[in-house]
Amino acid sequence: MEERTMTQAARLYPIGIQTFSEIINKDYLYIDKTEYVYQMTHSASKYMFLSRPRRFGKSLLVSTLDSYFQGKRALFKRLTMERLETEWTEYPVLRFDMSTAKHVDKKRLESELNLKLTEYEKIYGHGEGEVEPNQRFQGIIRRAYEQTGRQVVVLIDEYDAPLLDVVHEEEN
């Protein structure tokens, strides 16, 4: 039987760590699933909805997709993706982590969305007349595309966090 090196034996499991770059940069044990990321991102689908059970790696997958679409090639060194991907195109990525909107009412949810949109407006600008979150979101996507000439990637993590609390709220 082959003897394991000290670095292999010392590698820790990334328990509670959901950030791809942290797992790679701190040399935690990582099970390479980047072949599946490559297959997903090179399919004919324009939109993808991924629903998996709790604690099944959705946030890590979103983080991996974020790194991939931002063209962070160095993070994928020694992984299958490094061999498969030849272009490493950087796309504008709008990533929304909705875990900050758990157990909130409609007003607080809108406040959370406004904060997230404001951060992207600092990068891509704010359009005149864009007041409502959906108008602002569409404007950000349009300007990101116009400024970069690349399709915009929208990643939504913890999409269900605010749904159960807000969906059943009565209109006033």
Foldseek 3Di string as FASTA:
>chain_A
DDDDDPLVVPAAAPVPDQALQVCQVVVHDDDFPVVVVVVVVPDPDPDDDDDDDPPPRPSNSLNVNQCQQQLVQVSCPPGPVNVVDDPSHHAAEQEAECLVQAPHEPVVSQVSLVVSLVVLCVVQNADPPQDGSVSSVVVSQVSSCVVPVDHYHYHYHPVCRNVVRHVPDDDD
